[in-house]
Amino acid sequence: MIIIEIAKFLLPCATIVLIAYWLINRPIKLEKLRLESANFKVIAPIKLAAYERLVLFLERTSPDEILNREIENNMSTFELQVKLLRVIREEFEHNVAQQIYVTPKEWQAVVDAKNDILQLINICATQVNSNEKAITLAQTIIRTYNESAQTPTQTAIALLKNEISRLIN
């Protein structure tokens, strides 16, 4: 009997508390969703631009691309080596701020790709005479680079493209 009396009192109280909670919480959740949506509309284009710039950096610093742009007639292998290293470092420094828009794993893939290209250039430069024509170094770099089944540049680009497609869909 006492349990029924307590239930008569607690049931309406519990119902009122649940309705009040729902009425207060619902607008808060809707506002949070609205803010997240607005935030996404602002951040998404910036993130996509960062991914695009990093992919462009990786493409521009891949050996075949950079050699086509930077090799000059009458350039020695040493001059080409110095120029390639400088251009890659400048391109990287120009894009370093993009790391705030990508995951640490993606940024590390970009850094690894850059470092591997720099290392490739330096290793290939030790295999040729520094006074030879630059084309000798260029051929050595391209040949060595193409021996890799999956280059760090290709790995980093694939990782970035995967994230871009995830962001878009």
C-alpha atoms as a PDB file:
ATOM      1  CA  MET A   1       0.000   0.000   0.000  1.00  0.00           C
ATOM      2  CA  ILE A   2       2.800   2.382   0.906  1.00  0.00           C
ATOM      3  CA  ILE A   3       4.621   1.439  -2.308  1.00  0.00           C
ATOM      4  CA  ILE A   4       1.562   2.381  -4.379  1.00  0.00           C
ATOM      5  CA  GLU A   5       1.314   5.747  -2.614  1.00  0.00           C
ATOM      6  CA  ILE A   6       5.016   6.435  -3.203  1.00  0.00           C
ATOM      7  CA  ALA A   7       4.671   5.386  -6.845  1.00  0.00           C
ATOM      8  CA  LYS A   8       1.670   7.753  -7.288  1.00  0.00           C
ATOM      9  CA  PHE A   9       3.909  10.566  -6.079  1.00  0.00           C
ATOM     10  CA  LEU A  10       7.205   9.606  -7.804  1.00  0.00           C
ATOM     11  CA  LEU A  11       5.809   8.658 -11.217  1.00  0.00           C
ATOM     12  CA  PRO A  12       4.443  12.152 -12.027  1.00  0.00           C
ATOM     13  CA  CYS A  13       7.602  13.753 -10.581  1.00  0.00           C
ATOM     14  CA  ALA A  14       9.865  11.529 -12.669  1.00  0.00           C
ATOM     15  CA  THR A  15       7.763  12.249 -15.760  1.00  0.00           C
ATOM     16  CA  ILE A  16       8.018  16.007 -15.200  1.00  0.00           C
ATOM     17  CA  VAL A  17      11.790  15.778 -14.650  1.00  0.00           C
ATOM     18  CA  LEU A  18      12.266  13.768 -17.872  1.00  0.00           C
ATOM     19  CA  ILE A  19      10.118  16.178 -19.893  1.00  0.00           C
ATOM     20  CA  ALA A  20      11.993  19.165 -18.449  1.00  0.00           C
ATOM     21  CA  TYR A  21      15.331  17.515 -19.245  1.00  0.00           C
ATOM     22  CA  TRP A  22      14.216  16.813 -22.815  1.00  0.00           C
ATOM     23  CA  LEU A  23      12.894  20.361 -23.295  1.00  0.00           C
ATOM     24  CA  ILE A  24      16.124  21.894 -22.014  1.00  0.00           C
ATOM     25  CA  ASN A  25      18.558  19.452 -23.620  1.00  0.00           C
ATOM     26  CA  ARG A  26      17.005  19.368 -27.103  1.00  0.00           C
ATOM     27  CA  PRO A  27      17.666  23.040 -27.988  1.00  0.00           C
ATOM     28  CA  ILE A  28      21.208  22.715 -26.623  1.00  0.00           C
ATOM     29  CA  LYS A  29      21.876  19.680 -28.835  1.00  0.00           C
ATOM     30  CA  LEU A  30      20.350  21.422 -31.853  1.00  0.00           C
ATOM     31  CA  GLU A  31      22.514  24.491 -31.262  1.00  0.00           C
ATOM     32  CA  LYS A  32      25.601  22.307 -30.914  1.00  0.00           C
ATOM     33  CA  LEU A  33      24.799  20.572 -34.222  1.00  0.00           C
ATOM     34  CA  ARG A  34      24.233  23.937 -35.890  1.00  0.00           C
ATOM     35  CA  LEU A  35      27.593  25.238 -34.619  1.00  0.00           C
ATOM     36  CA  GLU A  36      29.406  22.067 -35.721  1.00  0.00           C
ATOM     37  CA  SER A  37      27.842  22.374 -39.167  1.00  0.00           C
ATOM     38  CA  ALA A  38      28.830  26.030 -39.447  1.00  0.00           C
ATOM     39  CA  ASN A  39      32.343  25.193 -38.233  1.00  0.00           C
ATOM     40  CA  PHE A  40      32.643  22.409 -40.811  1.00  0.00           C
ATOM     41  CA  LYS A  41      31.579  24.796 -43.585  1.00  0.00           C
ATOM     42  CA  VAL A  42      34.402  27.149 -42.623  1.00  0.00           C
ATOM     43  CA  ILE A  43      37.123  24.601 -41.826  1.00  0.00           C
ATOM     44  CA  ALA A  44      36.492  22.068 -44.611  1.00  0.00           C
ATOM     45  CA  PRO A  45      37.605  24.344 -47.477  1.00  0.00           C
ATOM     46  CA  ILE A  46      40.734  25.335 -45.542  1.00  0.00           C
ATOM     47  CA  LYS A  47      41.577  21.687 -44.812  1.00  0.00           C
ATOM     48  CA  LEU A  48      41.000  20.732 -48.451  1.00  0.00           C
ATOM     49  CA  ALA A  49      43.277  23.563 -49.573  1.00  0.00           C
ATOM     50  CA  ALA A  50      45.969  22.286 -47.199  1.00  0.00           C
ATOM     51  CA  TYR A  51      45.687  18.759 -48.592  1.00  0.00           C
ATOM     52  CA  GLU A  52      45.866  20.134 -52.133  1.00  0.00           C
ATOM     53  CA  ARG A  53      48.994  22.131 -51.307  1.00  0.00           C
ATOM     54  CA  LEU A  54      50.698  19.133 -49.740  1.00  0.00           C
ATOM     55  CA  VAL A  55      49.879  16.920 -52.720  1.00  0.00           C
ATOM     56  CA  LEU A  56      51.188  19.678 -54.997  1.00  0.00           C
ATOM     57  CA  PHE A  57      54.370  19.890 -52.902  1.00  0.00           C
ATOM     58  CA  LEU A  58      54.889  16.139 -53.196  1.00  0.00           C
ATOM     59  CA  GLU A  59      54.259  16.184 -56.938  1.00  0.00           C
ATOM     60  CA  ARG A  60      56.530  19.181 -57.512  1.00  0.00           C
ATOM     61  CA  THR A  61      59.386  17.629 -55.545  1.00  0.00           C
ATOM     62  CA  SER A  62      59.210  14.183 -57.107  1.00  0.00           C
ATOM     63  CA  PRO A  63      62.433  13.611 -59.073  1.00  0.00           C
ATOM     64  CA  ASP A  64      60.933  13.573 -62.558  1.00  0.00           C
ATOM     65  CA  GLU A  65      59.053  16.842 -61.976  1.00  0.00           C
ATOM     66  CA  ILE A  66      61.766  18.763 -60.182  1.00  0.00           C
ATOM     67  CA  LEU A  67      64.463  17.689 -62.602  1.00  0.00           C
ATOM     68  CA  ASN A  68      62.388  18.816 -65.595  1.00  0.00           C
ATOM     69  CA  ARG A  69      62.019  22.253 -64.022  1.00  0.00           C
ATOM     70  CA  GLU A  70      65.425  22.824 -62.476  1.00  0.00           C
ATOM     71  CA  ILE A  71      68.059  21.288 -64.760  1.00  0.00           C
ATOM     72  CA  GLU A  72      69.901  23.774 -66.963  1.00  0.00           C
ATOM     73  CA  ASN A  73      72.398  23.465 -69.791  1.00  0.00           C
ATOM     74  CA  ASN A  74      76.061  23.618 -68.777  1.00  0.00           C
ATOM     75  CA  MET A  75      75.203  22.841 -65.155  1.00  0.00           C
ATOM     76  CA  SER A  76      77.502  20.473 -63.255  1.00  0.00           C
ATOM     77  CA  THR A  77      76.219  17.605 -61.137  1.00  0.00           C
ATOM     78  CA  PHE A  78      77.305  19.486 -58.021  1.00  0.00           C
ATOM     79  CA  GLU A  79      75.389  22.605 -59.073  1.00  0.00           C
ATOM     80  CA  LEU A  80      72.314  20.526 -59.796  1.00  0.00           C
ATOM     81  CA  GLN A  81      72.572  18.754 -56.452  1.00  0.00           C
ATOM     82  CA  VAL A  82      72.801  22.049 -54.556  1.00  0.00           C
ATOM     83  CA  LYS A  83      69.933  23.553 -56.525  1.00  0.00           C
ATOM     84  CA  LEU A  84      67.643  20.545 -56.031  1.00  0.00           C
ATOM     85  CA  LEU A  85      68.285  20.444 -52.287  1.00  0.00           C
ATOM     86  CA  ARG A  86      67.640  24.187 -51.994  1.00  0.00           C
ATOM     87  CA  VAL A  87      64.421  24.099 -54.024  1.00  0.00           C
ATOM     88  CA  ILE A  88      63.002  21.153 -52.060  1.00  0.00           C
ATOM     89  CA  ARG A  89      63.803  22.798 -48.734  1.00  0.00           C
ATOM     90  CA  GLU A  90      62.256  26.098 -49.869  1.00  0.00           C
ATOM     91  CA  GLU A  91      59.117  24.335 -51.126  1.00  0.00           C
ATOM     92  CA  PHE A  92      58.850  22.481 -47.826  1.00  0.00           C
ATOM     93  CA  GLU A  93      59.311  25.637 -45.745  1.00  0.00           C
ATOM     94  CA  HIS A  94      56.628  27.318 -47.841  1.00  0.00           C
ATOM     95  CA  ASN A  95      54.169  24.528 -46.960  1.00  0.00           C
ATOM     96  CA  VAL A  96      55.156  23.743 -43.373  1.00  0.00           C
ATOM     97  CA  ALA A  97      52.111  25.542 -41.906  1.00  0.00           C
ATOM     98  CA  GLN A  98      49.807  23.037 -43.621  1.00  0.00           C
ATOM     99  CA  GLN A  99      50.660  20.513 -40.907  1.00  0.00           C
ATOM    100  CA  ILE A 100      48.042  22.053 -38.607  1.00  0.00           C
ATOM    101  CA  TYR A 101      45.289  20.841 -40.953  1.00  0.00           C
ATOM    102  CA  VAL A 102      46.414  17.224 -41.346  1.00  0.00           C
ATOM    103  CA  THR A 103      46.873  14.343 -38.948  1.00  0.00           C
ATOM    104  CA  PRO A 104      50.327  13.686 -37.463  1.00  0.00           C
ATOM    105  CA  LYS A 105      50.505  10.447 -39.482  1.00  0.00           C
ATOM    106  CA  GLU A 106      49.848  12.305 -42.742  1.00  0.00           C
ATOM    107  CA  TRP A 107      52.323  15.045 -41.892  1.00  0.00           C
ATOM    108  CA  GLN A 108      54.969  12.456 -41.030  1.00  0.00           C
ATOM    109  CA  ALA A 109      54.404  10.805 -44.427  1.00  0.00           C
ATOM    110  CA  VAL A 110      55.040  14.175 -46.122  1.00  0.00           C
ATOM    111  CA  VAL A 111      58.190  14.765 -44.055  1.00  0.00           C
ATOM    112  CA  ASP A 112      59.416  11.232 -44.773  1.00  0.00           C
ATOM    113  CA  ALA A 113      58.846  11.702 -48.499  1.00  0.00           C
ATOM    114  CA  LYS A 114      60.788  14.973 -48.474  1.00  0.00           C
ATOM    115  CA  ASN A 115      63.645  13.460 -46.485  1.00  0.00           C
ATOM    116  CA  ASP A 116      63.805  10.411 -48.760  1.00  0.00           C
ATOM    117  CA  ILE A 117      64.042  12.615 -51.860  1.00  0.00           C
ATOM    118  CA  LEU A 118      66.824  14.683 -50.250  1.00  0.00           C
ATOM    119  CA  GLN A 119      68.635  11.484 -49.278  1.00  0.00           C
ATOM    120  CA  LEU A 120      68.170  10.061 -52.784  1.00  0.00           C
ATOM    121  CA  ILE A 121      69.709  13.186 -54.330  1.00  0.00           C
ATOM    122  CA  ASN A 122      72.691  13.075 -51.961  1.00  0.00           C
ATOM    123  CA  ILE A 123      73.289   9.348 -52.437  1.00  0.00           C
ATOM    124  CA  CYS A 124      73.089   9.628 -56.220  1.00  0.00           C
ATOM    125  CA  ALA A 125      75.442  12.623 -56.145  1.00  0.00           C
ATOM    126  CA  THR A 126      78.078  10.448 -54.470  1.00  0.00           C
ATOM    127  CA  GLN A 127      77.827   7.982 -57.355  1.00  0.00           C
ATOM    128  CA  VAL A 128      78.792  10.501 -60.032  1.00  0.00           C
ATOM    129  CA  ASN A 129      81.701  12.872 -60.529  1.00  0.00           C
ATOM    130  CA  SER A 130      80.829  16.370 -59.277  1.00  0.00           C
ATOM    131  CA  ASN A 131      82.294  17.951 -62.433  1.00  0.00           C
ATOM    132  CA  GLU A 132      80.223  15.891 -64.896  1.00  0.00           C
ATOM    133  CA  LYS A 133      77.241  17.354 -66.678  1.00  0.00           C
ATOM    134  CA  ALA A 134      74.054  17.586 -64.637  1.00  0.00           C
ATOM    135  CA  ILE A 135      72.245  15.167 -66.933  1.00  0.00           C
ATOM    136  CA  THR A 136      74.386  12.360 -65.493  1.00  0.00           C
ATOM    137  CA  LEU A 137      73.105  13.054 -61.994  1.00  0.00           C
ATOM    138  CA  ALA A 138      69.554  13.475 -63.290  1.00  0.00           C
ATOM    139  CA  GLN A 139      69.660  10.083 -65.008  1.00  0.00           C
ATOM    140  CA  THR A 140      71.078   8.429 -61.887  1.00  0.00           C
ATOM    141  CA  ILE A 141      68.358   9.964 -59.713  1.00  0.00           C
ATOM    142  CA  ILE A 142      65.548   8.944 -62.070  1.00  0.00           C
ATOM    143  CA  ARG A 143      66.903   5.409 -62.473  1.00  0.00           C
ATOM    144  CA  THR A 144      67.302   4.908 -58.715  1.00  0.00           C
ATOM    145  CA  TYR A 145      63.911   6.456 -57.955  1.00  0.00           C
ATOM    146  CA  ASN A 146      62.141   4.265 -60.506  1.00  0.00           C
ATOM    147  CA  GLU A 147      63.646   1.111 -58.988  1.00  0.00           C
ATOM    148  CA  SER A 148      61.344   1.532 -55.980  1.00  0.00           C
ATOM    149  CA  ALA A 149      58.029  -0.291 -56.243  1.00  0.00           C
ATOM    150  CA  GLN A 150      56.270   2.147 -53.907  1.00  0.00           C
ATOM    151  CA  THR A 151      58.061   5.429 -53.264  1.00  0.00           C
ATOM    152  CA  PRO A 152      57.490   7.470 -50.111  1.00  0.00           C
ATOM    153  CA  THR A 153      56.103  10.225 -52.330  1.00  0.00           C
ATOM    154  CA  GLN A 154      53.490   7.873 -53.783  1.00  0.00           C
ATOM    155  CA  THR A 155      52.681   6.561 -50.302  1.00  0.00           C
ATOM    156  CA  ALA A 156      52.197  10.064 -48.900  1.00  0.00           C
ATOM    157  CA  ILE A 157      50.060  11.149 -51.864  1.00  0.00           C
ATOM    158  CA  ALA A 158      47.885   8.052 -51.535  1.00  0.00           C
ATOM    159  CA  LEU A 159      47.431   8.721 -47.806  1.00  0.00           C
ATOM    160  CA  LEU A 160      46.462  12.349 -48.445  1.00  0.00           C
ATOM    161  CA  LYS A 161      44.085  11.456 -51.278  1.00  0.00           C
ATOM    162  CA  ASN A 162      42.414   8.864 -49.073  1.00  0.00           C
ATOM    163  CA  GLU A 163      41.805  11.478 -46.385  1.00  0.00           C
ATOM    164  CA  ILE A 164      40.518  13.976 -48.958  1.00  0.00           C
ATOM    165  CA  SER A 165      37.980  11.477 -50.232  1.00  0.00           C
ATOM    166  CA  ARG A 166      36.950  10.748 -46.642  1.00  0.00           C
ATOM    167  CA  LEU A 167      36.435  14.460 -45.967  1.00  0.00           C
ATOM    168  CA  ILE A 168      34.398  14.987 -49.118  1.00  0.00           C
ATOM    169  CA  ASN A 169      32.118  11.974 -48.639  1.00  0.00           C
END
